[in-house]
Amino acid sequence: MMAKKGGTRHIKSLAAPRFFNIHSKEEMYISRPNPGRHNYDDSVSLVVPLKQLNIVENYADAGKIIKEGKIKINGKVIKEKKYPVGLNDIITVNNKHYKVGVDQFNHISYNETNDNDSFIYKVVGKYKAPKGKIFIRLSDGESIDATDKAKDIYVGDSVKINSKKEIGEIFKFKEGSKCIIVHGVHAASTGKITEIKPGNMHIEKVVLIEDDKGNKFETKEKNIIVMS
């Protein structure tokens, strides 16, 4: 009996999540991001944005400049080709900074920014650690010490952090808050939360949104990130 095959280093473009924004007729395979940061459906290997931003012509060249330490993610030099890059991360290359977002088709997008030391992530978990410390788990997969501000932070809120993992502003998940939709048919839309409908064991929490054009719609709470 043959041994079970381990995880593959690449995936077929046809099977890649929509977020990857890969054209199957142009590329048969795409690099699979390593686990650990972001959800699989919301992240790509670091080599991918370097090619999509036309910084390099192919993945081999992308791998070379990554190994040379020329790329930073959120202010930290990354030398791992399959390092997962996802929503609200900031890629720094050639003294330019690109914030990772999502477009209306649920594809990864990049917006040049001058703010390269503040990152907004959604709080997806909160727990007590040893010695009475309180940690929060963020949408990028990282957990950080929030003991000093724990009483003000709840799951669903967003926090602005810097490259030192220090918490700055807290954006509350409440009616009246501004948010961006990152999944679903309204992806990339921004608007204001007008109502929050509680969920239960069988029904997910839903929010009503009024977008910047005055259109009103509802979406699942997990589809939004509060931004202000």
C-alpha atoms as a PDB file:
ATOM      1  CA  MET A   1       0.000   0.000   0.000  1.00  0.00           C
ATOM      2  CA  MET A   2       1.368   3.392  -0.975  1.00  0.00           C
ATOM      3  CA  ALA A   3       2.061   5.966   1.682  1.00  0.00           C
ATOM      4  CA  LYS A   4      -0.238   8.967   1.900  1.00  0.00           C
ATOM      5  CA  LYS A   5       0.994  11.891  -0.143  1.00  0.00           C
ATOM      6  CA  GLY A   6       1.866  15.062   1.774  1.00  0.00           C
ATOM      7  CA  GLY A   7       0.683  18.571   0.986  1.00  0.00           C
ATOM      8  CA  THR A   8       1.549  19.843  -2.467  1.00  0.00           C
ATOM      9  CA  ARG A   9       3.745  22.889  -3.020  1.00  0.00           C
ATOM     10  CA  HIS A  10       1.550  24.161  -5.831  1.00  0.00           C
ATOM     11  CA  ILE A  11      -2.102  24.087  -6.789  1.00  0.00           C
ATOM     12  CA  LYS A  12      -3.762  24.083 -10.186  1.00  0.00           C
ATOM     13  CA  SER A  13      -4.965  27.504 -11.257  1.00  0.00           C
ATOM     14  CA  LEU A  14      -8.444  26.107 -11.904  1.00  0.00           C
ATOM     15  CA  ALA A  15      -8.654  25.039  -8.261  1.00  0.00           C
ATOM     16  CA  ALA A  16      -7.210  28.250  -6.813  1.00  0.00           C
ATOM     17  CA  PRO A  17      -9.476  30.494  -4.705  1.00  0.00           C
ATOM     18  CA  ARG A  18     -11.004  33.468  -6.509  1.00  0.00           C
ATOM     19  CA  PHE A  19      -8.892  35.773  -4.318  1.00  0.00           C
ATOM     20  CA  PHE A  20      -5.715  34.637  -6.137  1.00  0.00           C
ATOM     21  CA  ASN A  21      -6.848  36.398  -9.353  1.00  0.00           C
ATOM     22  CA  ILE A  22      -5.109  33.825 -11.546  1.00  0.00           C
ATOM     23  CA  HIS A  23      -6.016  33.223 -15.202  1.00  0.00           C
ATOM     24  CA  SER A  24      -5.987  29.485 -15.843  1.00  0.00           C
ATOM     25  CA  LYS A  25      -5.124  29.986 -19.526  1.00  0.00           C
ATOM     26  CA  GLU A  26      -1.994  31.934 -18.619  1.00  0.00           C
ATOM     27  CA  GLU A  27      -0.711  29.759 -15.769  1.00  0.00           C
ATOM     28  CA  MET A  28      -1.425  26.103 -15.095  1.00  0.00           C
ATOM     29  CA  TYR A  29      -0.069  26.098 -11.535  1.00  0.00           C
ATOM     30  CA  ILE A  30       0.294  28.646  -8.758  1.00  0.00           C
ATOM     31  CA  SER A  31       2.379  28.597  -5.588  1.00  0.00           C
ATOM     32  CA  ARG A  32       0.484  27.502  -2.473  1.00  0.00           C
ATOM     33  CA  PRO A  33       1.004  29.839   0.524  1.00  0.00           C
ATOM     34  CA  ASN A  34       2.342  28.305   3.706  1.00  0.00           C
ATOM     35  CA  PRO A  35      -0.148  27.950   6.577  1.00  0.00           C
ATOM     36  CA  GLY A  36       0.053  30.170   9.625  1.00  0.00           C
ATOM     37  CA  ARG A  37      -1.161  33.600   8.492  1.00  0.00           C
ATOM     38  CA  HIS A  38      -4.566  34.542   7.142  1.00  0.00           C
ATOM     39  CA  ASN A  39      -7.128  32.067   5.861  1.00  0.00           C
ATOM     40  CA  TYR A  40      -6.150  30.002   2.845  1.00  0.00           C
ATOM     41  CA  ASP A  41      -8.912  31.617   0.738  1.00  0.00           C
ATOM     42  CA  ASP A  42      -7.691  35.119   1.627  1.00  0.00           C
ATOM     43  CA  SER A  43      -3.940  34.885   1.096  1.00  0.00           C
ATOM     44  CA  VAL A  44      -1.333  34.283  -1.597  1.00  0.00           C
ATOM     45  CA  SER A  45       2.341  33.353  -1.573  1.00  0.00           C
ATOM     46  CA  LEU A  46       4.658  36.368  -1.539  1.00  0.00           C
ATOM     47  CA  VAL A  47       5.917  35.577  -5.036  1.00  0.00           C
ATOM     48  CA  VAL A  48       2.435  36.203  -6.467  1.00  0.00           C
ATOM     49  CA  PRO A  49       2.023  39.950  -5.736  1.00  0.00           C
ATOM     50  CA  LEU A  50       5.565  40.642  -6.909  1.00  0.00           C
ATOM     51  CA  LYS A  51       4.617  39.339 -10.338  1.00  0.00           C
ATOM     52  CA  GLN A  52       1.136  40.891 -10.337  1.00  0.00           C
ATOM     53  CA  LEU A  53       2.660  44.281  -9.487  1.00  0.00           C
ATOM     54  CA  ASN A  54       5.062  43.867 -12.447  1.00  0.00           C
ATOM     55  CA  ILE A  55       8.051  44.103 -10.139  1.00  0.00           C
ATOM     56  CA  VAL A  56       9.378  40.891 -11.703  1.00  0.00           C
ATOM     57  CA  GLU A  57       8.576  39.002 -14.878  1.00  0.00           C
ATOM     58  CA  ASN A  58       8.360  35.518 -13.369  1.00  0.00           C
ATOM     59  CA  TYR A  59       8.253  33.623 -10.095  1.00  0.00           C
ATOM     60  CA  ALA A  60      11.909  32.602 -10.342  1.00  0.00           C
ATOM     61  CA  ASP A  61      12.969  36.249 -10.304  1.00  0.00           C
ATOM     62  CA  ALA A  62      10.538  36.900  -7.451  1.00  0.00           C
ATOM     63  CA  GLY A  63      12.191  34.148  -5.431  1.00  0.00           C
ATOM     64  CA  LYS A  64      15.608  35.688  -5.986  1.00  0.00           C
ATOM     65  CA  ILE A  65      14.795  39.166  -4.709  1.00  0.00           C
ATOM     66  CA  ILE A  66      12.913  37.680  -1.754  1.00  0.00           C
ATOM     67  CA  LYS A  67      15.967  35.637  -0.754  1.00  0.00           C
ATOM     68  CA  GLU A  68      18.101  38.769  -1.103  1.00  0.00           C
ATOM     69  CA  GLY A  69      15.996  40.447   1.610  1.00  0.00           C
ATOM     70  CA  LYS A  70      14.583  43.157  -0.632  1.00  0.00           C
ATOM     71  CA  ILE A  71      10.950  42.655   0.381  1.00  0.00           C
ATOM     72  CA  LYS A  72       9.223  43.673   3.602  1.00  0.00           C
ATOM     73  CA  ILE A  73       5.792  42.721   4.884  1.00  0.00           C
ATOM     74  CA  ASN A  74       4.447  45.069   7.554  1.00  0.00           C
ATOM     75  CA  GLY A  75       7.928  46.496   8.079  1.00  0.00           C
ATOM     76  CA  LYS A  76       9.654  43.134   8.506  1.00  0.00           C
ATOM     77  CA  VAL A  77      12.104  41.664   5.978  1.00  0.00           C
ATOM     78  CA  ILE A  78      10.715  38.371   4.653  1.00  0.00           C
ATOM     79  CA  LYS A  79      12.906  35.802   2.883  1.00  0.00           C
ATOM     80  CA  GLU A  80      10.263  33.095   2.513  1.00  0.00           C
ATOM     81  CA  LYS A  81       8.814  32.684  -0.990  1.00  0.00           C
ATOM     82  CA  LYS A  82       5.569  31.135   0.214  1.00  0.00           C
ATOM     83  CA  TYR A  83       5.022  33.601   3.044  1.00  0.00           C
ATOM     84  CA  PRO A  84       1.243  34.230   3.173  1.00  0.00           C
ATOM     85  CA  VAL A  85       0.190  37.739   2.224  1.00  0.00           C
ATOM     86  CA  GLY A  86      -3.396  38.817   2.793  1.00  0.00           C
ATOM     87  CA  LEU A  87      -5.883  41.574   3.481  1.00  0.00           C
ATOM     88  CA  ASN A  88      -4.495  44.816   4.950  1.00  0.00           C
ATOM     89  CA  ASP A  89      -0.875  43.636   4.838  1.00  0.00           C
ATOM     90  CA  ILE A  90       1.577  46.193   3.472  1.00  0.00           C
ATOM     91  CA  ILE A  91       4.222  45.083   0.970  1.00  0.00           C
ATOM     92  CA  THR A  92       7.336  47.267   0.749  1.00  0.00           C
ATOM     93  CA  VAL A  93       9.600  47.002  -2.290  1.00  0.00           C
ATOM     94  CA  ASN A  94      11.843  49.559  -4.006  1.00  0.00           C
ATOM     95  CA  ASN A  95      10.839  52.164  -1.386  1.00  0.00           C
ATOM     96  CA  LYS A  96       7.190  51.867  -2.387  1.00  0.00           C
ATOM     97  CA  HIS A  97       4.418  50.541  -0.154  1.00  0.00           C
ATOM     98  CA  TYR A  98       1.377  48.594  -1.353  1.00  0.00           C
ATOM     99  CA  LYS A  99      -1.613  47.797   0.837  1.00  0.00           C
ATOM    100  CA  VAL A 100      -3.335  44.506   0.053  1.00  0.00           C
ATOM    101  CA  GLY A 101      -7.085  44.760  -0.487  1.00  0.00           C
ATOM    102  CA  VAL A 102      -9.889  43.127  -2.420  1.00  0.00           C
ATOM    103  CA  ASP A 103     -11.742  44.298  -5.523  1.00  0.00           C
ATOM    104  CA  GLN A 104     -15.427  43.982  -6.494  1.00  0.00           C
ATOM    105  CA  PHE A 105     -14.762  40.552  -8.006  1.00  0.00           C
ATOM    106  CA  ASN A 106     -13.290  39.206  -4.745  1.00  0.00           C
ATOM    107  CA  HIS A 107      -9.804  39.329  -6.312  1.00  0.00           C
ATOM    108  CA  ILE A 108      -6.687  40.491  -4.509  1.00  0.00           C
ATOM    109  CA  SER A 109      -5.858  44.144  -5.183  1.00  0.00           C
ATOM    110  CA  TYR A 110      -2.997  46.509  -4.357  1.00  0.00           C
ATOM    111  CA  ASN A 111      -3.130  50.181  -3.494  1.00  0.00           C
ATOM    112  CA  GLU A 112      -0.011  52.306  -3.124  1.00  0.00           C
ATOM    113  CA  THR A 113       0.144  54.009   0.272  1.00  0.00           C
ATOM    114  CA  ASN A 114       2.414  56.361   2.202  1.00  0.00           C
ATOM    115  CA  ASP A 115       1.432  54.887   5.577  1.00  0.00           C
ATOM    116  CA  ASN A 116       3.697  51.876   5.968  1.00  0.00           C
ATOM    117  CA  ASP A 117       3.603  51.448   9.748  1.00  0.00           C
ATOM    118  CA  SER A 118      -0.066  51.045  10.656  1.00  0.00           C
ATOM    119  CA  PHE A 119      -2.131  47.967   9.937  1.00  0.00           C
ATOM    120  CA  ILE A 120      -5.821  47.415  10.644  1.00  0.00           C
ATOM    121  CA  TYR A 121      -6.947  43.879  11.431  1.00  0.00           C
ATOM    122  CA  LYS A 122     -10.216  42.441  12.668  1.00  0.00           C
ATOM    123  CA  VAL A 123     -10.371  40.861  16.122  1.00  0.00           C
ATOM    124  CA  VAL A 124     -11.545  37.268  15.625  1.00  0.00           C
ATOM    125  CA  GLY A 125     -10.753  35.874  19.074  1.00  0.00           C
ATOM    126  CA  LYS A 126      -9.950  36.861  22.661  1.00  0.00           C
ATOM    127  CA  TYR A 127      -8.567  34.643  25.387  1.00  0.00           C
ATOM    128  CA  LYS A 128      -6.806  34.594  28.743  1.00  0.00           C
ATOM    129  CA  ALA A 129      -3.167  33.519  28.778  1.00  0.00           C
ATOM    130  CA  PRO A 130      -0.942  32.510  31.720  1.00  0.00           C
ATOM    131  CA  LYS A 131      -0.153  35.111  34.411  1.00  0.00           C
ATOM    132  CA  GLY A 132      -3.463  36.865  33.843  1.00  0.00           C
ATOM    133  CA  LYS A 133      -2.597  38.307  30.449  1.00  0.00           C
ATOM    134  CA  ILE A 134      -5.282  38.813  27.818  1.00  0.00           C
ATOM    135  CA  PHE A 135      -4.495  38.156  24.174  1.00  0.00           C
ATOM    136  CA  ILE A 136      -6.497  38.917  21.054  1.00  0.00           C
ATOM    137  CA  ARG A 137      -6.326  36.902  17.837  1.00  0.00           C
ATOM    138  CA  LEU A 138      -6.386  38.945  14.646  1.00  0.00           C
ATOM    139  CA  SER A 139      -7.627  38.232  11.140  1.00  0.00           C
ATOM    140  CA  ASP A 140      -4.041  37.875   9.907  1.00  0.00           C
ATOM    141  CA  GLY A 141      -3.645  34.845  12.185  1.00  0.00           C
ATOM    142  CA  GLU A 142      -1.466  36.540  14.780  1.00  0.00           C
ATOM    143  CA  SER A 143      -2.128  36.800  18.514  1.00  0.00           C
ATOM    144  CA  ILE A 144      -0.932  39.853  20.423  1.00  0.00           C
ATOM    145  CA  ASP A 145      -0.936  40.955  24.053  1.00  0.00           C
ATOM    146  CA  ALA A 146      -3.884  43.270  24.671  1.00  0.00           C
ATOM    147  CA  THR A 147      -3.890  43.163  28.475  1.00  0.00           C
ATOM    148  CA  ASP A 148      -3.783  46.946  28.929  1.00  0.00           C
ATOM    149  CA  LYS A 149      -6.723  47.533  26.585  1.00  0.00           C
ATOM    150  CA  ALA A 150      -8.594  44.230  26.976  1.00  0.00           C
ATOM    151  CA  LYS A 151     -11.682  45.798  28.583  1.00  0.00           C
ATOM    152  CA  ASP A 152     -12.198  47.966  25.502  1.00  0.00           C
ATOM    153  CA  ILE A 153     -11.715  45.291  22.828  1.00  0.00           C
ATOM    154  CA  TYR A 154     -14.265  42.675  21.774  1.00  0.00           C
ATOM    155  CA  VAL A 155     -14.512  40.120  18.985  1.00  0.00           C
ATOM    156  CA  GLY A 156     -15.730  41.876  15.848  1.00  0.00           C
ATOM    157  CA  ASP A 157     -13.900  45.121  16.618  1.00  0.00           C
ATOM    158  CA  SER A 158     -10.824  46.140  14.607  1.00  0.00           C
ATOM    159  CA  VAL A 159      -7.518  47.409  15.941  1.00  0.00           C
ATOM    160  CA  LYS A 160      -4.777  49.482  14.384  1.00  0.00           C
ATOM    161  CA  ILE A 161      -1.328  48.143  15.220  1.00  0.00           C
ATOM    162  CA  ASN A 162       2.202  49.087  14.206  1.00  0.00           C
ATOM    163  CA  SER A 163       5.233  47.026  13.239  1.00  0.00           C
ATOM    164  CA  LYS A 164       6.095  46.620  16.949  1.00  0.00           C
ATOM    165  CA  LYS A 165       2.692  44.951  17.540  1.00  0.00           C
ATOM    166  CA  GLU A 166       1.529  47.866  19.661  1.00  0.00           C
ATOM    167  CA  ILE A 167      -2.194  48.574  19.681  1.00  0.00           C
ATOM    168  CA  GLY A 168      -3.225  52.083  18.703  1.00  0.00           C
ATOM    169  CA  GLU A 169      -6.798  52.953  17.767  1.00  0.00           C
ATOM    170  CA  ILE A 170      -9.716  50.607  18.401  1.00  0.00           C
ATOM    171  CA  PHE A 171     -12.604  50.639  15.934  1.00  0.00           C
ATOM    172  CA  LYS A 172     -15.809  49.344  17.490  1.00  0.00           C
ATOM    173  CA  PHE A 173     -18.196  46.907  15.832  1.00  0.00           C
ATOM    174  CA  LYS A 174     -21.378  48.893  16.395  1.00  0.00           C
ATOM    175  CA  GLU A 175     -24.116  50.736  14.567  1.00  0.00           C
ATOM    176  CA  GLY A 176     -22.752  53.869  12.913  1.00  0.00           C
ATOM    177  CA  SER A 177     -19.242  52.511  12.379  1.00  0.00           C
ATOM    178  CA  LYS A 178     -17.661  52.650   8.922  1.00  0.00           C
ATOM    179  CA  CYS A 179     -16.634  49.335   7.383  1.00  0.00           C
ATOM    180  CA  ILE A 180     -15.412  47.661   4.236  1.00  0.00           C
ATOM    181  CA  ILE A 181     -16.934  44.504   2.801  1.00  0.00           C
ATOM    182  CA  VAL A 182     -14.241  41.958   1.980  1.00  0.00           C
ATOM    183  CA  HIS A 183     -16.306  38.955   0.828  1.00  0.00           C
ATOM    184  CA  GLY A 184     -19.445  38.312  -1.158  1.00  0.00           C
ATOM    185  CA  VAL A 185     -21.325  40.139  -3.893  1.00  0.00           C
ATOM    186  CA  HIS A 186     -20.639  43.532  -2.303  1.00  0.00           C
ATOM    187  CA  ALA A 187     -16.870  43.038  -1.939  1.00  0.00           C
ATOM    188  CA  ALA A 188     -14.800  46.253  -1.956  1.00  0.00           C
ATOM    189  CA  SER A 189     -17.829  48.386  -1.035  1.00  0.00           C
ATOM    190  CA  THR A 190     -17.494  50.736   1.919  1.00  0.00           C
ATOM    191  CA  GLY A 191     -20.328  52.012   4.045  1.00  0.00           C
ATOM    192  CA  LYS A 192     -21.901  52.460   7.465  1.00  0.00           C
ATOM    193  CA  ILE A 193     -23.395  49.813   9.729  1.00  0.00           C
ATOM    194  CA  THR A 194     -27.053  50.751  10.265  1.00  0.00           C
ATOM    195  CA  GLU A 195     -28.237  47.667  12.150  1.00  0.00           C
ATOM    196  CA  ILE A 196     -26.800  44.499  13.688  1.00  0.00           C
ATOM    197  CA  LYS A 197     -28.996  41.402  13.789  1.00  0.00           C
ATOM    198  CA  PRO A 198     -27.819  38.912  16.444  1.00  0.00           C
ATOM    199  CA  GLY A 199     -27.206  35.326  15.422  1.00  0.00           C
ATOM    200  CA  ASN A 200     -27.589  32.049  17.274  1.00  0.00           C
ATOM    201  CA  MET A 201     -26.456  28.427  17.038  1.00  0.00           C
ATOM    202  CA  HIS A 202     -28.157  28.058  13.658  1.00  0.00           C
ATOM    203  CA  ILE A 203     -28.078  31.537  12.133  1.00  0.00           C
ATOM    204  CA  GLU A 204     -25.007  33.702  11.617  1.00  0.00           C
ATOM    205  CA  LYS A 205     -24.919  37.328  12.774  1.00  0.00           C
ATOM    206  CA  VAL A 206     -26.013  39.703  10.002  1.00  0.00           C
ATOM    207  CA  VAL A 207     -25.393  43.421   9.536  1.00  0.00           C
ATOM    208  CA  LEU A 208     -27.315  45.972   7.509  1.00  0.00           C
ATOM    209  CA  ILE A 209     -25.084  48.329   5.537  1.00  0.00           C
ATOM    210  CA  GLU A 210     -25.697  51.635   3.807  1.00  0.00           C
ATOM    211  CA  ASP A 211     -22.898  52.154   1.311  1.00  0.00           C
ATOM    212  CA  ASP A 212     -21.328  55.442   0.271  1.00  0.00           C
ATOM    213  CA  LYS A 213     -23.826  55.765  -2.603  1.00  0.00           C
ATOM    214  CA  GLY A 214     -26.851  55.363  -0.359  1.00  0.00           C
ATOM    215  CA  ASN A 215     -27.589  51.767  -1.350  1.00  0.00           C
ATOM    216  CA  LYS A 216     -28.743  49.481   1.468  1.00  0.00           C
ATOM    217  CA  PHE A 217     -28.055  45.765   1.760  1.00  0.00           C
ATOM    218  CA  GLU A 218     -27.305  43.099   4.335  1.00  0.00           C
ATOM    219  CA  THR A 219     -24.348  40.778   4.638  1.00  0.00           C
ATOM    220  CA  LYS A 220     -22.897  38.361   7.169  1.00  0.00           C
ATOM    221  CA  GLU A 221     -20.824  39.869   9.955  1.00  0.00           C
ATOM    222  CA  LYS A 222     -17.845  37.748   8.920  1.00  0.00           C
ATOM    223  CA  ASN A 223     -17.810  39.545   5.545  1.00  0.00           C
ATOM    224  CA  ILE A 224     -16.905  42.964   6.951  1.00  0.00           C
ATOM    225  CA  ILE A 225     -13.995  44.702   8.640  1.00  0.00           C
ATOM    226  CA  VAL A 226     -14.690  47.837  10.694  1.00  0.00           C
ATOM    227  CA  MET A 227     -12.317  50.591   9.587  1.00  0.00           C
ATOM    228  CA  SER A 228     -13.361  53.650  11.593  1.00  0.00           C
END
